Amino acid sequence: MSEINRQIIEDIRELLRASRQELQYRVNSTMVKTYWQIGQMIVEHEQQGESRAKYGTKQLEAIASSLTLEFGKGFDARNLRNMRQFYLVFPKWNAVRTKLSWTHYRSLIRIENSEAREWYIEESIANNWSARALDRQISNLYYERLLSSKDKQPVIVEAEEKTKALQVDVKDYLRDPYVFDFLNLPSQSFLESDIEQGLIDNLQQFLLELGRGFAFVSRQQRLSVEEQDFYIDLVFYNFKLKCFLLIDLKLGKLTHQDVGQMDTYVRVYDEFHKEDDDNPTIGLILCSENSQAVAKYSVLSDSKQLFSSKYLPFLPTEEELRNELLRERRLLK
């Protein structure tokens, strides 16, 4: 490649990087300000109208229903409550830092200590923390541990190591489900890479063709866990077992965090989706790498006996699933 070609390619790269950064800032700034203004409107309307409790249970639901019909799922009652809380925590717009995303602020508005909240804001900006990195630091009481530590350096080093892989990336930001909610775009076709979509397509067909009682329920189903939203790749119901099967696909190695997260999904699904006459929910984690694959079922400890005695005859084995993942990956390539 000639030196001239190298130079023009590098110039185009720089232009694209700068354009993406500008797009990130503009979308983020507009979304954060809009949500702050919506929160302001809700609070001002609430203060002039009926009591807060009555307002929260009736009028907010009515507003959410109307907005959702016209502007999409990003304006449900849960998100409107977050916008209301956003304004209450930051009643002055000039205190809001538009370098942080709405996902950042969803975590920040739940910090009661104003000094801690301001510290996390400054650290997020200075260290380019993603929303996941910020959430991790809050969950691990980073601010409190620093305050109580005589030797702060080991705490700082640990935090930097744990968040190094969780720094903001423009590509990840532009795939943030809240951005798609705000713009009312169909997030499903953007959230997964082509290979993930292909694997999910084939897995869905594979389970339905097994003839063991599987019925398709949902794809990319949103699940709210501790004020955060997650997306389950595939949800099935098995009529022979009378239980739900949740499937999460990972392009990478299986980690303890993946297993713990699926256990949480199963627990939440049992609590909010399972009927009284349904059996406990099953989780299935599928990890597909370039040359190998892992399949692992996840069940809560009190359901393990039922899983071993009754579930297994109707479920594909982990080995069958592993082979299917490898076969599908070869086909997709």
Protein backbone atom coordinates (compact mmCIF):
# COMPACT_ATOMS: atom_id res chain seq x y z
CA MET A 1 0.00 0.00 0.00
CA SER A 2 1.38 3.40 -0.99
CA GLU A 3 2.10 6.13 1.53
CA ILE A 4 -0.65 8.29 -0.03
CA ASN A 5 -3.24 5.52 0.43
CA ARG A 6 -2.18 5.01 4.04
CA GLN A 7 -2.58 8.70 4.73
CA ILE A 8 -6.06 9.00 3.24
CA ILE A 9 -7.23 5.89 5.12
CA GLU A 10 -5.93 7.34 8.38
CA ASP A 11 -7.57 10.70 7.62
CA ILE A 12 -10.92 8.98 6.98
CA ARG A 13 -10.55 6.97 10.20
CA GLU A 14 -9.99 10.14 12.19
CA LEU A 15 -13.00 11.79 10.56
CA LEU A 16 -15.23 8.80 11.36
CA ARG A 17 -13.99 8.63 14.97
CA ALA A 18 -14.65 12.34 15.45
CA SER A 19 -18.09 12.09 13.82
CA ARG A 20 -19.07 9.18 16.04
CA GLN A 21 -17.93 11.06 19.11
CA GLU A 22 -19.97 14.08 18.05
CA LEU A 23 -23.03 11.91 17.37
CA GLN A 24 -22.63 10.28 20.79
CA TYR A 25 -22.48 13.66 22.49
CA ARG A 26 -25.44 15.12 20.60
CA VAL A 27 -27.75 12.13 21.13
CA ASN A 28 -26.69 11.78 24.75
CA SER A 29 -27.06 15.47 25.57
CA THR A 30 -30.48 15.66 23.91
CA MET A 31 -31.76 12.52 25.61
CA VAL A 32 -30.54 13.51 29.09
CA LYS A 33 -32.00 17.03 28.80
CA THR A 34 -35.31 15.73 27.46
CA TYR A 35 -35.66 13.24 30.32
CA TRP A 36 -34.78 15.97 32.85
CA GLN A 37 -37.47 18.23 31.35
CA ILE A 38 -40.04 15.41 31.43
CA GLY A 39 -39.19 14.85 35.09
CA GLN A 40 -39.65 18.57 35.75
CA MET A 41 -43.07 18.53 34.06
CA ILE A 42 -44.20 15.52 36.08
CA VAL A 43 -43.08 17.04 39.40
CA GLU A 44 -44.67 20.43 38.67
CA HIS A 45 -47.90 18.77 37.57
CA GLU A 46 -47.87 16.57 40.67
CA GLN A 47 -47.40 19.50 43.02
CA GLN A 48 -50.34 21.35 41.50
CA GLY A 49 -52.64 18.35 41.38
CA GLU A 50 -53.70 15.50 43.60
CA SER A 51 -51.76 13.86 46.39
CA ARG A 52 -48.44 12.26 45.56
CA ALA A 53 -49.55 8.70 46.29
CA LYS A 54 -52.67 8.97 44.19
CA TYR A 55 -50.72 10.68 41.43
CA GLY A 56 -48.09 7.94 41.41
CA THR A 57 -50.53 5.10 41.05
CA LYS A 58 -53.03 6.56 38.60
CA GLN A 59 -51.92 9.55 36.61
CA LEU A 60 -48.39 8.35 35.93
CA GLU A 61 -49.73 5.08 34.50
CA ALA A 62 -52.15 7.01 32.29
CA ILE A 63 -49.38 9.29 31.02
CA ALA A 64 -47.14 6.28 30.36
CA SER A 65 -49.84 4.43 28.41
CA SER A 66 -50.47 7.41 26.17
CA LEU A 67 -46.77 8.15 25.55
CA THR A 68 -45.91 4.50 24.92
CA LEU A 69 -48.54 4.23 22.20
CA GLU A 70 -47.03 7.15 20.33
CA PHE A 71 -43.32 7.13 21.26
CA GLY A 72 -42.51 3.53 22.16
CA LYS A 73 -41.48 1.46 25.17
CA GLY A 74 -38.94 3.97 26.50
CA PHE A 75 -41.73 5.91 28.18
CA ASP A 76 -43.31 3.29 30.40
CA ALA A 77 -44.25 4.11 34.00
CA ARG A 78 -40.97 2.74 35.35
CA ASN A 79 -38.88 5.03 33.17
CA LEU A 80 -41.14 8.01 33.90
CA ARG A 81 -40.57 7.44 37.62
CA ASN A 82 -36.84 7.49 36.92
CA MET A 83 -37.20 10.79 35.06
CA ARG A 84 -39.16 12.22 37.97
CA GLN A 85 -36.45 11.11 40.40
CA PHE A 86 -33.80 12.52 38.07
CA TYR A 87 -35.32 15.99 38.35
CA LEU A 88 -35.79 15.71 42.11
CA VAL A 89 -32.12 14.80 42.59
CA PHE A 90 -30.91 17.43 40.10
CA PRO A 91 -33.49 20.27 40.34
CA LYS A 92 -31.12 22.67 38.55
CA TRP A 93 -30.19 21.84 34.96
CA ASN A 94 -26.73 23.40 35.26
CA ALA A 95 -25.86 20.69 37.80
CA VAL A 96 -26.40 17.97 35.16
CA ARG A 97 -23.27 16.82 33.30
CA THR A 98 -24.19 15.86 29.74
CA LYS A 99 -20.95 13.94 29.32
CA LEU A 100 -22.71 11.15 31.23
CA SER A 101 -25.46 9.06 29.68
CA TRP A 102 -28.99 8.38 30.89
CA THR A 103 -27.81 4.91 31.94
CA HIS A 104 -25.22 6.56 34.20
CA TYR A 105 -27.87 8.78 35.76
CA ARG A 106 -30.19 5.84 36.44
CA SER A 107 -27.52 4.60 38.87
CA LEU A 108 -26.54 8.03 40.21
CA ILE A 109 -30.07 9.06 41.23
CA ARG A 110 -30.20 6.14 43.66
CA ILE A 111 -27.23 7.39 45.69
CA GLU A 112 -28.62 9.22 48.74
CA ASN A 113 -25.33 10.77 49.84
CA SER A 114 -24.96 13.91 47.71
CA GLU A 115 -21.20 14.10 48.29
CA ALA A 116 -20.76 10.50 47.18
CA ARG A 117 -22.96 11.13 44.15
CA GLU A 118 -20.91 14.15 43.09
CA TRP A 119 -17.69 12.19 43.60
CA TYR A 120 -18.93 9.35 41.36
CA ILE A 121 -19.90 11.91 38.69
CA GLU A 122 -16.43 13.45 38.67
CA GLU A 123 -14.69 10.06 38.66
CA SER A 124 -16.91 8.73 35.84
CA ILE A 125 -15.99 11.67 33.63
CA ALA A 126 -12.30 11.78 34.56
CA ASN A 127 -11.81 8.02 34.08
CA ASN A 128 -14.19 7.57 31.14
CA TRP A 129 -16.23 4.98 33.06
CA SER A 130 -18.99 3.22 31.19
CA ALA A 131 -22.36 2.85 32.93
CA ARG A 132 -21.39 -0.74 33.80
CA ALA A 133 -18.13 0.45 35.35
CA LEU A 134 -19.95 3.10 37.41
CA ASP A 135 -22.52 0.56 38.57
CA ARG A 136 -19.75 -1.80 39.59
CA GLN A 137 -17.98 0.88 41.63
CA ILE A 138 -21.19 1.89 43.40
CA SER A 139 -22.08 -1.74 44.15
CA ASN A 140 -18.61 -2.34 45.58
CA LEU A 141 -18.78 0.80 47.75
CA TYR A 142 -15.69 2.30 46.12
CA TYR A 143 -16.28 5.78 47.60
CA GLU A 144 -16.89 4.46 51.12
CA ARG A 145 -13.89 2.12 50.99
CA LEU A 146 -11.64 4.95 49.89
CA LEU A 147 -12.84 7.15 52.75
CA SER A 148 -12.23 4.46 55.36
CA SER A 149 -8.84 3.29 54.00
CA LYS A 150 -5.65 4.69 55.47
CA ASP A 151 -3.71 3.35 52.49
CA LYS A 152 -5.87 4.33 49.52
CA GLN A 153 -3.52 3.25 46.72
CA PRO A 154 -4.36 -0.51 46.77
CA VAL A 155 -8.08 0.37 46.59
CA ILE A 156 -7.47 2.71 43.64
CA VAL A 157 -5.30 0.17 41.79
CA GLU A 158 -7.91 -2.57 42.27
CA ALA A 159 -10.69 -0.31 40.98
CA GLU A 160 -8.65 0.69 37.92
CA GLU A 161 -7.90 -2.93 37.07
CA LYS A 162 -11.52 -4.01 37.44
CA THR A 163 -12.87 -1.19 35.28
CA LYS A 164 -10.18 -1.11 32.59
CA ALA A 165 -12.24 -3.36 30.32
CA LEU A 166 -15.43 -1.42 31.10
CA GLN A 167 -14.47 1.99 29.75
CA VAL A 168 -16.81 3.84 27.40
CA ASP A 169 -16.68 2.71 23.77
CA VAL A 170 -18.59 4.69 21.14
CA LYS A 171 -19.73 1.50 19.42
CA ASP A 172 -21.21 0.16 22.66
CA TYR A 173 -22.87 3.50 23.41
CA LEU A 174 -24.61 3.56 20.04
CA ARG A 175 -25.97 0.07 20.82
CA ASP A 176 -27.34 1.12 24.22
CA PRO A 177 -30.99 -0.04 24.41
CA TYR A 178 -31.97 3.27 26.01
CA VAL A 179 -30.80 5.11 22.90
CA PHE A 180 -33.08 2.93 20.78
CA ASP A 181 -35.92 3.44 23.24
CA PHE A 182 -35.45 7.21 23.07
CA LEU A 183 -35.40 7.23 19.27
CA ASN A 184 -38.19 4.60 19.13
CA LEU A 185 -36.09 2.34 16.93
CA PRO A 186 -36.40 -1.48 16.81
CA SER A 187 -33.48 -2.38 19.05
CA GLN A 188 -33.46 -6.11 18.34
CA SER A 189 -31.87 -5.81 14.93
CA PHE A 190 -29.11 -3.56 16.27
CA LEU A 191 -28.26 -5.08 19.62
CA GLU A 192 -26.77 -8.32 18.27
CA SER A 193 -23.99 -8.80 15.76
CA ASP A 194 -24.75 -10.76 12.60
CA ILE A 195 -23.21 -13.94 13.95
CA GLU A 196 -25.18 -13.71 17.22
CA GLN A 197 -28.40 -13.21 15.28
CA GLY A 198 -27.62 -16.18 13.06
CA LEU A 199 -26.87 -18.42 16.03
CA ILE A 200 -30.06 -17.37 17.79
CA ASP A 201 -32.11 -17.97 14.62
CA ASN A 202 -30.73 -21.48 14.27
CA LEU A 203 -31.04 -22.34 17.96
CA GLN A 204 -34.67 -21.27 17.95
CA GLN A 205 -35.37 -23.55 14.99
CA PHE A 206 -33.32 -26.39 16.51
CA LEU A 207 -35.35 -26.47 19.73
CA LEU A 208 -38.68 -26.24 17.93
CA GLU A 209 -37.72 -29.14 15.68
CA LEU A 210 -36.76 -31.40 18.61
CA GLY A 211 -40.40 -32.34 19.12
CA ARG A 212 -40.06 -32.41 22.91
CA GLY A 213 -42.78 -29.93 23.82
CA PHE A 214 -41.02 -26.61 23.19
CA ALA A 215 -43.07 -23.55 22.24
CA PHE A 216 -41.50 -20.19 21.37
CA VAL A 217 -42.42 -17.33 23.76
CA SER A 218 -40.16 -14.34 23.15
CA ARG A 219 -36.90 -13.06 21.75
CA GLN A 220 -34.78 -10.31 23.32
CA GLN A 221 -37.28 -10.16 26.18
CA ARG A 222 -36.65 -7.29 28.58
CA LEU A 223 -36.26 -8.33 32.19
CA SER A 224 -35.96 -5.76 34.99
CA VAL A 225 -33.62 -6.76 37.80
CA GLU A 226 -32.90 -4.38 40.70
CA GLU A 227 -33.80 -1.27 38.71
CA GLN A 228 -31.74 -2.41 35.71
CA ASP A 229 -32.98 -3.75 32.39
CA PHE A 230 -31.52 -6.87 30.79
CA TYR A 231 -32.45 -8.75 27.64
CA ILE A 232 -32.92 -12.53 27.48
CA ASP A 233 -31.99 -13.83 24.03
CA LEU A 234 -34.66 -16.55 23.83
CA VAL A 235 -37.58 -17.64 26.02
CA PHE A 236 -39.43 -20.93 25.47
CA TYR A 237 -42.19 -22.74 27.32
CA ASN A 238 -42.18 -26.53 27.49
CA PHE A 239 -45.71 -27.94 27.66
CA LYS A 240 -44.56 -31.41 28.71
CA LEU A 241 -42.49 -30.07 31.60
CA LYS A 242 -44.80 -27.12 32.31
CA CYS A 243 -41.90 -24.71 32.75
CA PHE A 244 -40.11 -21.80 31.08
CA LEU A 245 -36.66 -22.15 29.52
CA LEU A 246 -34.50 -18.99 29.39
CA ILE A 247 -31.55 -18.97 26.96
CA ASP A 248 -28.67 -16.52 27.02
CA LEU A 249 -26.01 -16.60 24.30
CA LYS A 250 -22.46 -15.37 24.95
CA LEU A 251 -19.75 -14.93 22.34
CA GLY A 252 -16.84 -15.77 24.60
CA LYS A 253 -15.81 -17.88 27.58
CA LEU A 254 -18.26 -18.90 30.28
CA THR A 255 -17.62 -17.02 33.54
CA HIS A 256 -18.93 -17.33 37.10
CA GLN A 257 -20.61 -13.97 36.55
CA ASP A 258 -22.57 -15.41 33.61
CA VAL A 259 -23.84 -18.27 35.79
CA GLY A 260 -24.75 -15.92 38.64
CA GLN A 261 -26.57 -13.60 36.26
CA MET A 262 -28.61 -16.48 34.83
CA ASP A 263 -29.51 -17.65 38.35
CA THR A 264 -30.85 -14.13 38.97
CA TYR A 265 -32.89 -14.26 35.74
CA VAL A 266 -34.38 -17.61 36.78
CA ARG A 267 -35.26 -16.32 40.24
CA VAL A 268 -36.94 -13.19 38.86
CA TYR A 269 -38.81 -15.18 36.22
CA ASP A 270 -40.10 -17.59 38.86
CA GLU A 271 -41.31 -14.67 40.95
CA PHE A 272 -43.01 -12.57 38.28
CA HIS A 273 -43.82 -14.82 35.29
CA LYS A 274 -44.32 -18.38 36.54
CA GLU A 275 -47.91 -19.40 37.33
CA ASP A 276 -48.74 -21.37 40.48
CA ASP A 277 -49.14 -24.64 38.56
CA ASP A 278 -45.90 -24.19 36.57
CA ASN A 279 -42.71 -25.99 37.46
CA PRO A 280 -39.55 -23.99 38.29
CA THR A 281 -37.87 -22.11 35.46
CA ILE A 282 -34.70 -23.44 33.79
CA GLY A 283 -31.82 -21.32 32.56
CA LEU A 284 -29.49 -22.28 29.73
CA ILE A 285 -26.22 -20.46 29.01
CA LEU A 286 -24.62 -21.01 25.62
CA CYS A 287 -21.07 -19.76 25.01
CA SER A 288 -19.79 -19.89 21.46
CA GLU A 289 -16.14 -19.24 20.73
CA ASN A 290 -14.20 -19.52 17.48
CA SER A 291 -13.18 -23.15 17.89
CA GLN A 292 -15.24 -24.48 20.78
CA ALA A 293 -18.56 -24.13 22.56
CA VAL A 294 -19.99 -24.58 26.06
CA ALA A 295 -23.58 -25.28 27.10
CA LYS A 296 -24.61 -25.19 30.74
CA TYR A 297 -28.02 -25.51 32.38
CA SER A 298 -28.74 -23.29 35.37
CA VAL A 299 -31.32 -24.25 38.00
CA LEU A 300 -31.82 -23.02 41.54
CA SER A 301 -30.62 -25.35 44.28
CA ASP A 302 -34.10 -26.29 45.46
CA SER A 303 -35.02 -27.40 41.91
CA LYS A 304 -32.00 -29.63 41.22
CA GLN A 305 -33.75 -32.86 42.21
CA LEU A 306 -36.71 -32.08 39.94
CA PHE A 307 -34.30 -31.17 37.12
CA SER A 308 -32.44 -34.50 37.41
CA SER A 309 -35.49 -36.72 37.76
CA LYS A 310 -38.04 -35.15 35.40
CA TYR A 311 -36.53 -32.44 33.21
CA LEU A 312 -33.58 -34.16 31.59
CA PRO A 313 -35.51 -36.67 29.39
CA PHE A 314 -37.19 -33.77 27.58
CA LEU A 315 -34.19 -31.44 27.26
CA PRO A 316 -31.35 -31.60 24.76
CA THR A 317 -28.17 -32.64 26.52
CA GLU A 318 -25.36 -30.16 27.00
CA GLU A 319 -23.32 -32.23 24.53
CA GLU A 320 -26.08 -32.03 21.90
CA LEU A 321 -26.27 -28.28 22.35
CA ARG A 322 -22.50 -27.89 22.19
CA ASN A 323 -22.36 -29.84 18.91
CA GLU A 324 -25.24 -27.80 17.51
CA LEU A 325 -23.46 -24.54 18.36
CA LEU A 326 -20.29 -25.70 16.63
CA ARG A 327 -22.25 -26.89 13.58
CA GLU A 328 -24.15 -23.60 13.33
CA ARG A 329 -21.01 -21.54 13.66
CA ARG A 330 -19.37 -23.47 10.81
CA LEU A 331 -22.47 -22.95 8.66
CA LEU A 332 -22.59 -19.22 9.40
CA LYS A 333 -18.97 -18.82 8.40
